[in-house]
Amino acid sequence: MTEQTHPHDSDAESLDQIEAYCVRCRKQVEVLDPEPVWTSRGQPGTRGTCPECGTTVFRMGRTPGHDRLQAPPPVRVEDVPKLVANRGHKRAQPATYVNAGNTDVDFGGRLAKELDSAGVHTWFDSEHATDKVAWAGGVHPALRDCVQMVVIWSQSAAQSESVQEAWTFFKAAHKRIALVVLDSTPIPDELRRSPRFDFSTNYKAPFRQLLETLGNWQR
């Protein structure tokens, strides 16, 4: 790929301006407010806006701005997709996003693994390594790819900006959310209508109920 420059570097005035194709204006334009971003496959690109119509524009390629950032690992939500029968044909089962705060990572990993083993395909970022990455699509790729979410609700989740950003995106996209409750932390009004499963004192019974709900949603 041809290496591009990035105007946000300290020597911005000496760098060439980045151009990208605007689909609305149907021509190459100079990118306004360019930002180094990454695709879901971990490839570098630049996102910004068209100075004439305000449309978001994007161009693949590395810039000096990427040199200051750590490249994220590729995000593959469907690495090992569950195959489910559909009228005689097999299709990949959409994934369930498991959303947990930093101190609930071990619990989240266990829950995701057991849901996956029980037939509900899950996606879970156990390392939280990609929380602050500037993604090409504006949000974590898994949030776009997954069709439903399990929010592991606790004091840790309530204090986590990334947890809130994730479930807020799902709410705005009208995707289904289920709550796995670990303690008595108050639940936000926006999530009160979501089905909740109390794991604070028991695991097996609420797990079966959660599994049934998620399975019904995916049918």
N, C-alpha and C. Protein backbone atom coordinates (compact mmCIF):
# COMPACT_ATOMS: atom_id res chain seq x y z
N MET A 1 0.83 -1.20 0.00
CA MET A 1 0.00 0.00 0.00
C MET A 1 0.87 1.25 0.00
N THR A 2 0.41 2.29 -0.66
CA THR A 2 1.14 3.54 -0.69
C THR A 2 1.04 4.24 0.65
N GLU A 3 2.16 4.66 1.20
CA GLU A 3 2.15 5.31 2.50
C GLU A 3 1.70 6.74 2.35
N GLN A 4 0.75 7.13 3.23
CA GLN A 4 0.20 8.49 3.18
C GLN A 4 0.67 9.26 4.40
N THR A 5 0.57 10.57 4.34
CA THR A 5 0.94 11.41 5.48
C THR A 5 -0.29 11.77 6.28
N HIS A 6 -0.06 12.29 7.48
CA HIS A 6 -1.18 12.60 8.36
C HIS A 6 -1.04 13.98 8.95
N PRO A 7 -2.02 14.87 8.72
CA PRO A 7 -1.94 16.27 9.13
C PRO A 7 -1.93 16.50 10.63
N HIS A 8 -2.24 15.46 11.45
CA HIS A 8 -2.28 15.68 12.88
C HIS A 8 -0.91 15.54 13.53
N ASP A 9 0.14 15.19 12.75
CA ASP A 9 1.47 15.11 13.31
C ASP A 9 1.96 16.52 13.65
N SER A 10 3.04 16.60 14.47
CA SER A 10 3.53 17.89 14.92
C SER A 10 4.01 18.76 13.76
N ASP A 11 4.50 18.12 12.67
CA ASP A 11 4.95 18.90 11.53
C ASP A 11 3.89 18.88 10.44
N ALA A 12 2.65 19.13 10.84
CA ALA A 12 1.50 19.00 9.93
C ALA A 12 1.65 19.85 8.69
N GLU A 13 2.16 21.08 8.85
CA GLU A 13 2.23 21.97 7.70
C GLU A 13 3.14 21.44 6.59
N SER A 14 4.12 20.61 6.94
CA SER A 14 5.07 20.12 5.95
C SER A 14 4.62 18.83 5.29
N LEU A 15 3.51 18.30 5.71
CA LEU A 15 3.02 17.03 5.18
C LEU A 15 2.01 17.27 4.07
N ASP A 16 2.01 16.35 3.11
CA ASP A 16 1.01 16.42 2.05
C ASP A 16 -0.36 16.13 2.62
N GLN A 17 -1.38 16.73 2.07
CA GLN A 17 -2.75 16.50 2.51
C GLN A 17 -3.27 15.19 1.94
N ILE A 18 -4.14 14.53 2.69
CA ILE A 18 -4.69 13.25 2.27
C ILE A 18 -5.96 13.47 1.46
N GLU A 19 -6.08 12.74 0.38
CA GLU A 19 -7.27 12.80 -0.45
C GLU A 19 -7.99 11.45 -0.41
N ALA A 20 -9.31 11.50 -0.55
CA ALA A 20 -10.12 10.29 -0.59
C ALA A 20 -11.30 10.53 -1.52
N TYR A 21 -11.95 9.46 -1.91
CA TYR A 21 -13.09 9.58 -2.83
C TYR A 21 -14.37 9.77 -2.05
N CYS A 22 -15.13 10.81 -2.38
CA CYS A 22 -16.43 11.07 -1.75
C CYS A 22 -17.51 10.48 -2.65
N VAL A 23 -18.28 9.55 -2.10
CA VAL A 23 -19.31 8.88 -2.92
C VAL A 23 -20.47 9.82 -3.23
N ARG A 24 -20.70 10.82 -2.39
CA ARG A 24 -21.79 11.76 -2.65
C ARG A 24 -21.38 12.78 -3.71
N CYS A 25 -20.19 13.33 -3.57
CA CYS A 25 -19.72 14.32 -4.56
C CYS A 25 -19.18 13.66 -5.81
N ARG A 26 -18.89 12.36 -5.71
CA ARG A 26 -18.37 11.58 -6.83
C ARG A 26 -17.05 12.14 -7.37
N LYS A 27 -16.16 12.45 -6.44
CA LYS A 27 -14.84 12.93 -6.85
C LYS A 27 -13.86 12.84 -5.69
N GLN A 28 -12.58 12.96 -6.01
CA GLN A 28 -11.55 12.99 -4.98
C GLN A 28 -11.61 14.33 -4.24
N VAL A 29 -11.54 14.27 -2.93
CA VAL A 29 -11.55 15.50 -2.13
C VAL A 29 -10.44 15.43 -1.09
N GLU A 30 -10.05 16.58 -0.60
CA GLU A 30 -9.07 16.63 0.47
C GLU A 30 -9.78 16.33 1.79
N VAL A 31 -9.29 15.35 2.52
CA VAL A 31 -9.97 14.88 3.72
C VAL A 31 -9.90 15.94 4.82
N LEU A 32 -11.05 16.26 5.37
CA LEU A 32 -11.14 17.21 6.47
C LEU A 32 -11.07 16.45 7.79
N ASP A 33 -10.25 16.93 8.74
CA ASP A 33 -10.07 16.29 10.05
C ASP A 33 -9.73 14.81 9.92
N PRO A 34 -8.68 14.47 9.18
CA PRO A 34 -8.31 13.07 9.02
C PRO A 34 -7.87 12.42 10.33
N GLU A 35 -8.23 11.17 10.50
CA GLU A 35 -7.91 10.43 11.72
C GLU A 35 -7.39 9.04 11.33
N PRO A 36 -6.24 8.63 11.89
CA PRO A 36 -5.75 7.28 11.61
C PRO A 36 -6.64 6.24 12.30
N VAL A 37 -7.11 5.27 11.55
CA VAL A 37 -8.03 4.26 12.09
C VAL A 37 -7.59 2.88 11.60
N TRP A 38 -8.30 1.85 12.09
CA TRP A 38 -7.98 0.47 11.74
C TRP A 38 -9.25 -0.26 11.32
N THR A 39 -9.11 -1.12 10.33
CA THR A 39 -10.24 -1.95 9.92
C THR A 39 -10.34 -3.15 10.85
N SER A 40 -11.43 -3.91 10.72
CA SER A 40 -11.62 -5.08 11.58
C SER A 40 -10.53 -6.12 11.35
N ARG A 41 -9.86 -6.08 10.21
CA ARG A 41 -8.77 -7.00 9.92
C ARG A 41 -7.41 -6.48 10.38
N GLY A 42 -7.42 -5.33 11.06
CA GLY A 42 -6.18 -4.77 11.58
C GLY A 42 -5.39 -3.98 10.57
N GLN A 43 -6.03 -3.60 9.46
CA GLN A 43 -5.33 -2.84 8.43
C GLN A 43 -5.52 -1.34 8.65
N PRO A 44 -4.48 -0.53 8.38
CA PRO A 44 -4.58 0.92 8.63
C PRO A 44 -5.33 1.65 7.54
N GLY A 45 -5.96 2.73 7.93
CA GLY A 45 -6.66 3.58 6.98
C GLY A 45 -6.85 4.95 7.60
N THR A 46 -7.46 5.85 6.87
CA THR A 46 -7.73 7.21 7.36
C THR A 46 -9.20 7.53 7.15
N ARG A 47 -9.83 8.04 8.19
CA ARG A 47 -11.23 8.43 8.11
C ARG A 47 -11.33 9.93 8.40
N GLY A 48 -12.25 10.58 7.68
CA GLY A 48 -12.47 12.00 7.90
C GLY A 48 -13.78 12.41 7.24
N THR A 49 -13.90 13.66 6.91
CA THR A 49 -15.14 14.14 6.29
C THR A 49 -14.82 14.89 5.00
N CYS A 50 -15.81 14.91 4.12
CA CYS A 50 -15.68 15.67 2.87
C CYS A 50 -15.88 17.15 3.18
N PRO A 51 -14.99 18.02 2.77
CA PRO A 51 -15.13 19.45 3.07
C PRO A 51 -16.28 20.12 2.34
N GLU A 52 -16.84 19.46 1.33
CA GLU A 52 -17.90 20.07 0.55
C GLU A 52 -19.30 19.65 1.00
N CYS A 53 -19.48 18.35 1.36
CA CYS A 53 -20.82 17.88 1.72
C CYS A 53 -20.91 17.32 3.13
N GLY A 54 -19.78 17.14 3.79
CA GLY A 54 -19.79 16.64 5.16
C GLY A 54 -19.92 15.14 5.30
N THR A 55 -19.93 14.41 4.19
CA THR A 55 -20.02 12.96 4.22
C THR A 55 -18.72 12.36 4.77
N THR A 56 -18.83 11.26 5.53
CA THR A 56 -17.64 10.57 5.99
C THR A 56 -16.93 9.93 4.81
N VAL A 57 -15.63 10.14 4.72
CA VAL A 57 -14.82 9.54 3.66
C VAL A 57 -13.74 8.68 4.30
N PHE A 58 -13.26 7.72 3.53
CA PHE A 58 -12.29 6.76 4.07
C PHE A 58 -11.29 6.40 2.99
N ARG A 59 -10.05 6.23 3.41
CA ARG A 59 -9.00 5.80 2.49
C ARG A 59 -8.09 4.80 3.19
N MET A 60 -7.84 3.69 2.51
CA MET A 60 -6.92 2.69 3.04
C MET A 60 -5.49 3.19 2.92
N GLY A 61 -4.62 2.69 3.79
CA GLY A 61 -3.20 3.01 3.72
C GLY A 61 -2.66 3.54 5.03
N ARG A 62 -1.40 3.28 5.26
CA ARG A 62 -0.74 3.72 6.49
C ARG A 62 -0.25 5.16 6.35
N THR A 63 -0.31 5.90 7.45
CA THR A 63 0.19 7.27 7.49
C THR A 63 1.14 7.41 8.68
N PRO A 64 1.90 8.49 8.77
CA PRO A 64 2.75 8.70 9.95
C PRO A 64 1.95 8.69 11.26
N GLY A 65 0.66 9.04 11.18
CA GLY A 65 -0.17 9.02 12.38
C GLY A 65 -0.31 7.63 12.96
N HIS A 66 -0.25 6.61 12.11
CA HIS A 66 -0.36 5.23 12.60
C HIS A 66 0.90 4.79 13.35
N ASP A 67 2.03 5.45 13.07
CA ASP A 67 3.28 5.05 13.71
C ASP A 67 3.24 5.25 15.21
N ARG A 68 2.39 6.16 15.67
CA ARG A 68 2.29 6.43 17.11
C ARG A 68 1.29 5.51 17.80
N LEU A 69 0.62 4.67 17.01
CA LEU A 69 -0.42 3.81 17.56
C LEU A 69 -0.03 2.34 17.46
N GLN A 70 -0.55 1.55 18.36
CA GLN A 70 -0.31 0.11 18.30
C GLN A 70 -1.41 -0.54 17.46
N ALA A 71 -1.02 -1.29 16.47
CA ALA A 71 -2.00 -1.95 15.62
C ALA A 71 -2.77 -3.00 16.41
N PRO A 72 -4.09 -3.02 16.30
CA PRO A 72 -4.89 -4.00 17.03
C PRO A 72 -4.85 -5.35 16.32
N PRO A 73 -5.11 -6.43 17.05
CA PRO A 73 -5.23 -7.73 16.39
C PRO A 73 -6.50 -7.75 15.56
N PRO A 74 -6.56 -8.57 14.52
CA PRO A 74 -7.79 -8.67 13.73
C PRO A 74 -8.97 -9.10 14.59
N VAL A 75 -10.14 -8.58 14.28
CA VAL A 75 -11.35 -8.97 15.00
C VAL A 75 -12.14 -9.91 14.10
N ARG A 76 -12.23 -11.16 14.52
CA ARG A 76 -12.96 -12.15 13.74
C ARG A 76 -14.08 -12.72 14.61
N VAL A 77 -15.22 -12.13 14.50
CA VAL A 77 -16.37 -12.56 15.31
C VAL A 77 -16.78 -13.97 14.93
N GLU A 78 -16.63 -14.33 13.66
CA GLU A 78 -17.06 -15.64 13.20
C GLU A 78 -15.88 -16.59 13.00
N ASP A 79 -14.89 -16.53 13.90
CA ASP A 79 -13.73 -17.42 13.78
C ASP A 79 -14.15 -18.88 13.68
N VAL A 80 -14.95 -19.32 14.64
CA VAL A 80 -15.44 -20.70 14.64
C VAL A 80 -16.95 -20.64 14.82
N PRO A 81 -17.65 -20.25 13.76
CA PRO A 81 -19.10 -20.07 13.89
C PRO A 81 -19.84 -21.37 14.09
N LYS A 82 -20.89 -21.31 14.88
CA LYS A 82 -21.78 -22.45 15.01
C LYS A 82 -22.60 -22.55 13.73
N LEU A 83 -22.76 -23.74 13.21
CA LEU A 83 -23.58 -23.95 12.03
C LEU A 83 -24.92 -24.51 12.44
N VAL A 84 -25.99 -23.85 12.07
CA VAL A 84 -27.33 -24.28 12.44
C VAL A 84 -28.12 -24.58 11.18
N ALA A 85 -29.01 -25.55 11.28
CA ALA A 85 -29.82 -25.95 10.13
C ALA A 85 -30.91 -24.93 9.87
N ASN A 86 -31.15 -24.64 8.61
CA ASN A 86 -32.21 -23.71 8.23
C ASN A 86 -32.83 -24.21 6.93
N ARG A 87 -33.95 -24.95 7.06
CA ARG A 87 -34.65 -25.50 5.90
C ARG A 87 -33.73 -26.36 5.03
N GLY A 88 -32.99 -27.22 5.71
CA GLY A 88 -32.14 -28.14 4.99
C GLY A 88 -30.77 -27.60 4.66
N HIS A 89 -30.53 -26.32 4.91
CA HIS A 89 -29.23 -25.71 4.64
C HIS A 89 -28.59 -25.30 5.96
N LYS A 90 -27.26 -25.25 5.97
CA LYS A 90 -26.55 -24.81 7.15
C LYS A 90 -26.07 -23.38 6.97
N ARG A 91 -26.20 -22.61 8.03
CA ARG A 91 -25.75 -21.23 7.99
C ARG A 91 -25.00 -20.91 9.27
N ALA A 92 -24.15 -19.87 9.23
CA ALA A 92 -23.41 -19.46 10.42
C ALA A 92 -24.36 -18.77 11.39
N GLN A 93 -24.29 -19.17 12.65
CA GLN A 93 -25.15 -18.56 13.66
C GLN A 93 -24.58 -17.20 14.08
N PRO A 94 -25.40 -16.15 14.07
CA PRO A 94 -24.91 -14.84 14.53
C PRO A 94 -24.40 -14.92 15.96
N ALA A 95 -23.46 -14.06 16.28
CA ALA A 95 -22.81 -14.13 17.59
C ALA A 95 -23.51 -13.27 18.64
N THR A 96 -23.33 -13.67 19.88
CA THR A 96 -23.81 -12.92 21.05
C THR A 96 -22.62 -12.23 21.70
N TYR A 97 -22.71 -10.93 21.88
CA TYR A 97 -21.64 -10.14 22.46
C TYR A 97 -21.74 -10.20 23.99
N VAL A 98 -20.69 -10.68 24.64
CA VAL A 98 -20.65 -10.72 26.11
C VAL A 98 -19.87 -9.50 26.59
N ASN A 99 -20.54 -8.63 27.32
CA ASN A 99 -20.03 -7.32 27.69
C ASN A 99 -19.78 -7.26 29.20
N ALA A 100 -18.52 -7.12 29.61
CA ALA A 100 -18.18 -7.17 31.04
C ALA A 100 -17.15 -6.11 31.41
N GLY A 101 -17.20 -5.67 32.67
CA GLY A 101 -16.21 -4.75 33.20
C GLY A 101 -14.90 -5.46 33.49
N ASN A 102 -13.86 -4.70 33.77
CA ASN A 102 -12.52 -5.26 33.94
C ASN A 102 -12.43 -6.31 35.04
N THR A 103 -13.11 -6.10 36.17
CA THR A 103 -12.99 -7.05 37.27
C THR A 103 -13.88 -8.28 37.09
N ASP A 104 -14.71 -8.27 36.04
CA ASP A 104 -15.58 -9.41 35.78
C ASP A 104 -15.13 -10.22 34.56
N VAL A 105 -13.88 -10.01 34.14
CA VAL A 105 -13.38 -10.68 32.94
C VAL A 105 -13.37 -12.20 33.11
N ASP A 106 -12.95 -12.69 34.26
CA ASP A 106 -12.91 -14.14 34.47
C ASP A 106 -14.32 -14.74 34.39
N PHE A 107 -15.27 -14.09 35.04
CA PHE A 107 -16.65 -14.57 34.98
C PHE A 107 -17.17 -14.50 33.55
N GLY A 108 -16.88 -13.40 32.87
CA GLY A 108 -17.34 -13.25 31.49
C GLY A 108 -16.77 -14.31 30.58
N GLY A 109 -15.49 -14.63 30.76
CA GLY A 109 -14.88 -15.68 29.95
C GLY A 109 -15.52 -17.03 30.20
N ARG A 110 -15.80 -17.34 31.46
CA ARG A 110 -16.46 -18.61 31.78
C ARG A 110 -17.86 -18.66 31.17
N LEU A 111 -18.62 -17.57 31.33
CA LEU A 111 -19.98 -17.54 30.81
C LEU A 111 -19.99 -17.68 29.29
N ALA A 112 -19.11 -16.95 28.61
CA ALA A 112 -19.04 -17.02 27.15
C ALA A 112 -18.70 -18.43 26.69
N LYS A 113 -17.75 -19.05 27.36
CA LYS A 113 -17.33 -20.40 26.98
C LYS A 113 -18.46 -21.40 27.16
N GLU A 114 -19.19 -21.28 28.27
CA GLU A 114 -20.26 -22.24 28.55
C GLU A 114 -21.47 -22.00 27.64
N LEU A 115 -21.75 -20.75 27.32
CA LEU A 115 -22.82 -20.48 26.35
C LEU A 115 -22.46 -21.04 24.99
N ASP A 116 -21.20 -20.85 24.60
CA ASP A 116 -20.74 -21.36 23.32
C ASP A 116 -20.85 -22.88 23.26
N SER A 117 -20.45 -23.54 24.34
CA SER A 117 -20.52 -25.00 24.40
C SER A 117 -21.96 -25.50 24.36
N ALA A 118 -22.88 -24.66 24.88
CA ALA A 118 -24.29 -25.05 24.93
C ALA A 118 -25.03 -24.71 23.64
N GLY A 119 -24.33 -24.11 22.66
CA GLY A 119 -24.96 -23.86 21.37
C GLY A 119 -25.24 -22.41 21.02
N VAL A 120 -24.87 -21.46 21.91
CA VAL A 120 -25.05 -20.04 21.61
C VAL A 120 -23.69 -19.44 21.29
N HIS A 121 -23.45 -19.15 20.03
CA HIS A 121 -22.17 -18.62 19.60
C HIS A 121 -21.92 -17.25 20.24
N THR A 122 -20.76 -17.08 20.87
CA THR A 122 -20.46 -15.85 21.60
C THR A 122 -19.19 -15.18 21.09
N TRP A 123 -19.08 -13.88 21.39
CA TRP A 123 -17.85 -13.14 21.16
C TRP A 123 -17.52 -12.42 22.46
N PHE A 124 -16.27 -12.59 22.93
CA PHE A 124 -15.86 -11.97 24.19
C PHE A 124 -14.40 -11.57 24.10
N ASP A 125 -14.11 -10.31 24.42
CA ASP A 125 -12.75 -9.79 24.42
C ASP A 125 -12.19 -9.91 25.83
N SER A 126 -11.50 -11.00 26.10
CA SER A 126 -11.01 -11.24 27.45
C SER A 126 -9.87 -10.32 27.85
N GLU A 127 -9.18 -9.74 26.87
CA GLU A 127 -8.02 -8.91 27.19
C GLU A 127 -8.35 -7.43 27.25
N HIS A 128 -9.51 -7.05 26.72
CA HIS A 128 -9.87 -5.63 26.64
C HIS A 128 -8.76 -4.82 25.97
N ALA A 129 -8.04 -5.46 25.03
CA ALA A 129 -6.90 -4.81 24.39
C ALA A 129 -7.32 -3.81 23.32
N THR A 130 -8.56 -3.88 22.88
CA THR A 130 -8.97 -3.04 21.75
C THR A 130 -10.00 -1.98 22.14
N ASP A 131 -10.14 -1.71 23.44
CA ASP A 131 -11.15 -0.75 23.90
C ASP A 131 -10.96 0.64 23.31
N LYS A 132 -9.71 1.11 23.22
CA LYS A 132 -9.45 2.49 22.84
C LYS A 132 -9.00 2.64 21.39
N VAL A 133 -9.14 1.60 20.61
CA VAL A 133 -8.73 1.67 19.21
C VAL A 133 -9.71 2.52 18.41
N ALA A 134 -9.17 3.36 17.51
CA ALA A 134 -10.02 4.12 16.59
C ALA A 134 -10.34 3.22 15.42
N TRP A 135 -11.54 2.66 15.39
CA TRP A 135 -11.93 1.74 14.33
C TRP A 135 -12.50 2.48 13.13
N ALA A 136 -12.31 1.90 11.96
CA ALA A 136 -12.76 2.53 10.72
C ALA A 136 -14.26 2.80 10.74
N GLY A 137 -15.03 1.89 11.34
CA GLY A 137 -16.48 2.06 11.38
C GLY A 137 -16.98 2.92 12.51
N GLY A 138 -16.07 3.41 13.35
CA GLY A 138 -16.45 4.29 14.45
C GLY A 138 -16.68 3.57 15.76
N VAL A 139 -16.99 2.26 15.71
CA VAL A 139 -17.17 1.47 16.91
C VAL A 139 -16.45 0.14 16.73
N HIS A 140 -16.31 -0.61 17.81
CA HIS A 140 -15.67 -1.91 17.73
C HIS A 140 -16.42 -2.77 16.71
N PRO A 141 -15.70 -3.42 15.79
CA PRO A 141 -16.36 -4.22 14.75
C PRO A 141 -17.31 -5.27 15.30
N ALA A 142 -16.99 -5.84 16.45
CA ALA A 142 -17.86 -6.89 17.02
C ALA A 142 -19.23 -6.34 17.40
N LEU A 143 -19.31 -5.06 17.73
CA LEU A 143 -20.61 -4.47 18.08
C LEU A 143 -21.52 -4.42 16.86
N ARG A 144 -20.94 -4.29 15.69
CA ARG A 144 -21.74 -4.28 14.47
C ARG A 144 -22.11 -5.70 14.06
N ASP A 145 -21.18 -6.64 14.25
CA ASP A 145 -21.39 -8.00 13.78
C ASP A 145 -22.31 -8.82 14.67
N CYS A 146 -22.28 -8.59 15.97
CA CYS A 146 -23.10 -9.38 16.89
C CYS A 146 -24.55 -8.91 16.87
N VAL A 147 -25.48 -9.84 17.10
CA VAL A 147 -26.90 -9.51 16.98
C VAL A 147 -27.58 -9.33 18.33
N GLN A 148 -26.97 -9.81 19.40
CA GLN A 148 -27.55 -9.66 20.73
C GLN A 148 -26.42 -9.56 21.75
N MET A 149 -26.74 -9.06 22.94
CA MET A 149 -25.71 -8.80 23.94
C MET A 149 -26.11 -9.31 25.31
N VAL A 150 -25.12 -9.81 26.03
CA VAL A 150 -25.27 -10.12 27.45
C VAL A 150 -24.41 -9.13 28.22
N VAL A 151 -25.04 -8.28 29.01
CA VAL A 151 -24.30 -7.33 29.84
C VAL A 151 -24.15 -7.95 31.22
N ILE A 152 -22.92 -8.18 31.64
CA ILE A 152 -22.66 -8.69 32.99
C ILE A 152 -22.67 -7.48 33.91
N TRP A 153 -23.78 -7.34 34.63
CA TRP A 153 -24.01 -6.10 35.38
C TRP A 153 -23.48 -6.22 36.80
N SER A 154 -22.66 -5.24 37.18
CA SER A 154 -22.05 -5.19 38.51
C SER A 154 -21.55 -3.77 38.73
N GLN A 155 -20.93 -3.55 39.88
CA GLN A 155 -20.36 -2.23 40.14
C GLN A 155 -19.26 -1.92 39.12
N SER A 156 -18.50 -2.95 38.74
CA SER A 156 -17.45 -2.77 37.74
C SER A 156 -18.03 -2.32 36.41
N ALA A 157 -19.12 -2.95 35.99
CA ALA A 157 -19.76 -2.58 34.72
C ALA A 157 -20.31 -1.17 34.78
N ALA A 158 -20.91 -0.80 35.91
CA ALA A 158 -21.50 0.53 36.06
C ALA A 158 -20.45 1.63 35.97
N GLN A 159 -19.22 1.31 36.35
CA GLN A 159 -18.15 2.31 36.35
C GLN A 159 -17.31 2.26 35.08
N SER A 160 -17.64 1.36 34.17
CA SER A 160 -16.84 1.18 32.96
C SER A 160 -17.42 1.97 31.79
N GLU A 161 -16.62 2.86 31.24
CA GLU A 161 -17.05 3.65 30.09
C GLU A 161 -17.25 2.76 28.86
N SER A 162 -16.35 1.78 28.67
CA SER A 162 -16.45 0.91 27.50
C SER A 162 -17.69 0.02 27.56
N VAL A 163 -18.06 -0.44 28.76
CA VAL A 163 -19.27 -1.25 28.91
C VAL A 163 -20.50 -0.42 28.53
N GLN A 164 -20.55 0.80 29.02
CA GLN A 164 -21.70 1.67 28.72
C GLN A 164 -21.76 2.01 27.23
N GLU A 165 -20.62 2.31 26.63
CA GLU A 165 -20.60 2.62 25.21
C GLU A 165 -21.13 1.45 24.39
N ALA A 166 -20.79 0.23 24.80
CA ALA A 166 -21.21 -0.96 24.06
C ALA A 166 -22.72 -1.15 24.14
N TRP A 167 -23.29 -1.11 25.36
CA TRP A 167 -24.73 -1.36 25.44
C TRP A 167 -25.53 -0.17 24.89
N THR A 168 -24.97 1.04 24.96
CA THR A 168 -25.64 2.20 24.38
C THR A 168 -25.73 2.06 22.86
N PHE A 169 -24.66 1.56 22.23
CA PHE A 169 -24.68 1.33 20.80
C PHE A 169 -25.74 0.29 20.44
N PHE A 170 -25.84 -0.76 21.23
CA PHE A 170 -26.83 -1.81 20.98
C PHE A 170 -28.25 -1.26 21.12
N LYS A 171 -28.47 -0.44 22.14
CA LYS A 171 -29.80 0.15 22.33
C LYS A 171 -30.17 1.01 21.13
N ALA A 172 -29.24 1.82 20.67
CA ALA A 172 -29.51 2.71 19.53
C ALA A 172 -29.79 1.91 18.26
N ALA A 173 -29.17 0.73 18.16
CA ALA A 173 -29.36 -0.12 16.99
C ALA A 173 -30.56 -1.06 17.14
N HIS A 174 -31.28 -0.93 18.25
CA HIS A 174 -32.47 -1.75 18.52
C HIS A 174 -32.16 -3.24 18.54
N LYS A 175 -30.98 -3.57 19.09
CA LYS A 175 -30.60 -4.97 19.26
C LYS A 175 -30.95 -5.42 20.68
N ARG A 176 -31.18 -6.70 20.84
CA ARG A 176 -31.63 -7.21 22.13
C ARG A 176 -30.48 -7.31 23.13
N ILE A 177 -30.83 -7.02 24.39
CA ILE A 177 -29.85 -7.04 25.48
C ILE A 177 -30.43 -7.83 26.66
N ALA A 178 -29.62 -8.71 27.22
CA ALA A 178 -29.99 -9.44 28.43
C ALA A 178 -28.99 -9.07 29.53
N LEU A 179 -29.47 -9.00 30.76
CA LEU A 179 -28.61 -8.62 31.88
C LEU A 179 -28.31 -9.83 32.76
N VAL A 180 -27.04 -10.05 33.02
CA VAL A 180 -26.60 -11.04 34.00
C VAL A 180 -26.18 -10.25 35.24
N VAL A 181 -26.96 -10.32 36.28
CA VAL A 181 -26.77 -9.48 37.46
C VAL A 181 -25.89 -10.20 38.50
N LEU A 182 -24.80 -9.53 38.90
CA LEU A 182 -23.88 -10.12 39.87
C LEU A 182 -23.99 -9.53 41.26
N ASP A 183 -24.52 -8.31 41.38
CA ASP A 183 -24.65 -7.69 42.69
C ASP A 183 -25.84 -6.73 42.67
N SER A 184 -25.94 -5.91 43.70
CA SER A 184 -27.11 -5.03 43.85
C SER A 184 -26.92 -3.64 43.25
N THR A 185 -25.92 -3.48 42.41
CA THR A 185 -25.70 -2.18 41.77
C THR A 185 -26.94 -1.74 40.99
N PRO A 186 -27.44 -0.52 41.22
CA PRO A 186 -28.64 -0.05 40.51
C PRO A 186 -28.49 -0.16 38.99
N ILE A 187 -29.56 -0.56 38.34
CA ILE A 187 -29.58 -0.73 36.89
C ILE A 187 -30.08 0.55 36.24
N PRO A 188 -29.41 1.03 35.20
CA PRO A 188 -29.85 2.27 34.53
C PRO A 188 -31.26 2.13 33.97
N ASP A 189 -31.97 3.22 33.90
CA ASP A 189 -33.33 3.21 33.39
C ASP A 189 -33.39 2.62 31.98
N GLU A 190 -32.36 2.90 31.17
CA GLU A 190 -32.37 2.43 29.78
C GLU A 190 -32.34 0.90 29.68
N LEU A 191 -31.90 0.23 30.74
CA LEU A 191 -31.78 -1.23 30.71
C LEU A 191 -32.83 -1.95 31.54
N ARG A 192 -33.72 -1.20 32.17
CA ARG A 192 -34.67 -1.82 33.10
C ARG A 192 -35.65 -2.77 32.41
N ARG A 193 -35.91 -2.55 31.13
CA ARG A 193 -36.85 -3.42 30.43
C ARG A 193 -36.19 -4.66 29.84
N SER A 194 -34.88 -4.72 29.93
CA SER A 194 -34.17 -5.90 29.42
C SER A 194 -34.36 -7.06 30.40
N PRO A 195 -34.52 -8.28 29.88
CA PRO A 195 -34.64 -9.42 30.79
C PRO A 195 -33.38 -9.56 31.63
N ARG A 196 -33.56 -9.85 32.91
CA ARG A 196 -32.41 -9.96 33.79
C ARG A 196 -32.37 -11.32 34.46
N PHE A 197 -31.16 -11.78 34.74
CA PHE A 197 -30.95 -13.09 35.33
C PHE A 197 -29.99 -12.93 36.50
N ASP A 198 -30.46 -13.30 37.69
CA ASP A 198 -29.72 -13.06 38.92
C ASP A 198 -28.71 -14.19 39.17
N PHE A 199 -27.44 -13.87 38.96
CA PHE A 199 -26.36 -14.83 39.19
C PHE A 199 -25.66 -14.56 40.52
N SER A 200 -26.20 -13.71 41.35
CA SER A 200 -25.50 -13.29 42.57
C SER A 200 -25.40 -14.41 43.60
N THR A 201 -26.37 -15.33 43.61
CA THR A 201 -26.35 -16.40 44.60
C THR A 201 -26.36 -17.78 43.99
N ASN A 202 -26.65 -17.88 42.72
CA ASN A 202 -26.75 -19.19 42.06
C ASN A 202 -26.24 -19.05 40.63
N TYR A 203 -25.85 -20.16 40.03
CA TYR A 203 -25.35 -20.11 38.67
C TYR A 203 -26.16 -20.99 37.72
N LYS A 204 -26.41 -22.22 38.11
CA LYS A 204 -27.00 -23.19 37.19
C LYS A 204 -28.39 -22.80 36.72
N ALA A 205 -29.27 -22.44 37.66
CA ALA A 205 -30.66 -22.12 37.28
C ALA A 205 -30.74 -20.88 36.39
N PRO A 206 -30.12 -19.75 36.77
CA PRO A 206 -30.18 -18.58 35.88
C PRO A 206 -29.46 -18.82 34.56
N PHE A 207 -28.43 -19.67 34.57
CA PHE A 207 -27.74 -19.97 33.31
C PHE A 207 -28.69 -20.67 32.34
N ARG A 208 -29.45 -21.63 32.83
CA ARG A 208 -30.41 -22.33 31.97
C ARG A 208 -31.45 -21.36 31.42
N GLN A 209 -31.91 -20.43 32.26
CA GLN A 209 -32.91 -19.46 31.83
C GLN A 209 -32.32 -18.51 30.77
N LEU A 210 -31.09 -18.07 31.00
CA LEU A 210 -30.41 -17.20 30.05
C LEU A 210 -30.20 -17.92 28.72
N LEU A 211 -29.76 -19.16 28.79
CA LEU A 211 -29.52 -19.95 27.59
C LEU A 211 -30.80 -20.10 26.77
N GLU A 212 -31.91 -20.34 27.44
CA GLU A 212 -33.18 -20.50 26.74
C GLU A 212 -33.59 -19.19 26.06
N THR A 213 -33.42 -18.08 26.76
CA THR A 213 -33.79 -16.78 26.20
C THR A 213 -32.96 -16.44 24.97
N LEU A 214 -31.64 -16.62 25.07
CA LEU A 214 -30.76 -16.30 23.94
C LEU A 214 -31.04 -17.22 22.76
N GLY A 215 -31.30 -18.48 23.04
CA GLY A 215 -31.62 -19.41 21.98
C GLY A 215 -32.89 -19.04 21.26
N ASN A 216 -33.91 -18.62 22.01
CA ASN A 216 -35.18 -18.20 21.39
C ASN A 216 -34.98 -16.96 20.53
N TRP A 217 -34.13 -16.03 20.99
CA TRP A 217 -33.89 -14.81 20.22
C TRP A 217 -33.23 -15.11 18.87
N GLN A 218 -32.43 -16.17 18.82
CA GLN A 218 -31.69 -16.46 17.60
C GLN A 218 -32.47 -17.32 16.60
N ARG A 219 -33.63 -17.76 16.97
CA ARG A 219 -34.41 -18.60 16.06
C ARG A 219 -35.13 -17.76 15.00
